Structure formats: C-alpha cells, structure tokens
Amino acid sequence: MTELETQAAISDEIAAIGKAYDAAGAVETQPRTDYPPYRSSLLRHPTKDLHHADPEGVELWAPCFGERDIDPLEADLTIQHGGDPVGERMVVTGRVLDGDGRPVRRQLVEVWQANAGGRYVHKRDQHPAALDPNFTGVGRCLTDDQGVYRFTTIRPGPYPWRNHRNAWRPAHIHFSLFGTEFTQRMVTQMYFPGDPLFALDPIYQSVVDPVARERLVATYDHDLTQPEWSTGYRWDIVLTGSHRTPLEDA
C-alpha cells in the first residue's frame, strides 16, 4: 500500500500555487479543474473534448419537477424521522441572485450534508463515526419572490477523506441549483466562518483567489438565531457576474 503524503507536503504545494497566483496578477473566480494538491481532481472532470448534444433530447430523460412536487416541510432536515437529530440545530438562509442583484424566483435549491459526526448516509462512506437514525441529511425548497431560500438543519461535522495523511474536510453543506432545466444545474459548497481547516483543505483552496474563496463562507447572524432553539447563518448565491459564487462542475 502506497504511503499517503503528509499534510506538510500538501500545504507546501498549496502555498506555492498561491504564491504563483499572486505573482501572475490575473483574477480567477472559479475552482481550478486540475489542482495538484487535490490528488483526484484529474479524475473529477472530463478528459475528452465536449460534444454537442440536442438539449431537447437530453431533457427527454433528465429529471424534471413542478412547484407542486416540493413540500415546504422538505426544507426542514430535522423533522424527517421520529426523533430529534444529534447536533447543533441551525437555520441557513440566503438569496439566489443574478449578476445584477435581481432575485431568482422559484429556483429549486437542494442540499445534502454529513451529520454532526461528519458521516454521510452513503454505503461508501467509511468514516468510523456513528450514523444518526434521525438524520438523513438531504432537503430541498423553492426560492420565494425575493429569491430567498431557507433550511433548518444540523451543523455538519468535519470528516477525513484520505487525499493525504490526516486530511480532513472543513464542515460544509452541498448546494445544487437546478435552473429551469437539468442542463442548467449548478453545484457548490457552503462553509462556516472561522474553520481552522480552511488553510489545510485542497478542495477549498482550489479556488485560488482569496476574495472568491470568501464567497463560499456563510455569515453568522445573531438576529436569525432563535433563543433556546437554533443558531442562524446567511449565505447568498450569485449566479453570474464578477461576484459569482464559485461553482463545481455538476
């Protein structure tokens, strides 16, 4: 078995890329497709030229939904089972906006995440943390007339991912925005402020511009926090323009 590289080696690579980016003087606002410290990034994007496809043909077999398919209760990830899930209950809300700051209405927003112990409900997740029988970690909602989404959930925990020795992902929530059809789908991740794992994580650091990276981090909002009940975080998603939220290739 090949011995995994150390965090120090990965951090040196991250620092060298950051130094080269600063020296180049060009602005990059999206994750790099190939980011060597993220060892499997070569396997996570197409290696062949793109081929044109008939979008109408794609839509014949792609998922579709209507507004009546979405139940408002699906936005509360804490009530999907018979008891309360373990962890810090929180509200995550924000707006989906276009590049001119206009709200994107009736947008399907989907989320998925690990539980409070950093464990996903997935058979390939081998992290030796407990599954929570009261938490599945998936939810969805539609934005309202002001482009606002809102979820009630549990703060996810960090988890190991074997990119290198002692590699841990910062706590995060995955977001998907469906658009008006499946071919428009966008995927990104929301992080929490002040996470000590930011500097060590090659996925977070694959957005090499520090200002763009910061757009992935939610803001704690004490006015949104509810006494004796939940904490509150706000995070806006901008789809286009110079302040576009960094997105993954879906």
Foldseek 3Di string as FASTA:
>chain_A
DDAFADLVVLLVLLVVVLVVVVVVPDADQAFDQDRVSQPCSVVVDDPDDDDDDDVVVVQVPFDDDDQVVADPCLQEQQQPDDHGWDAAKEKEKEFEAEQVRAGDFFWKKKKFFAAQQRAAPDPPTPFPDDDTPRGHGIGIDTQHNRRMDMHIDHFHCWTADPSGPPHIDAGWMKMWTCPNHNVPIWIDIAHEPPTPCCSSHSVLCSNSDPVSSCLRYWDWDQVRADPPHHTYTYHYAYPDDPNHRHTDDD
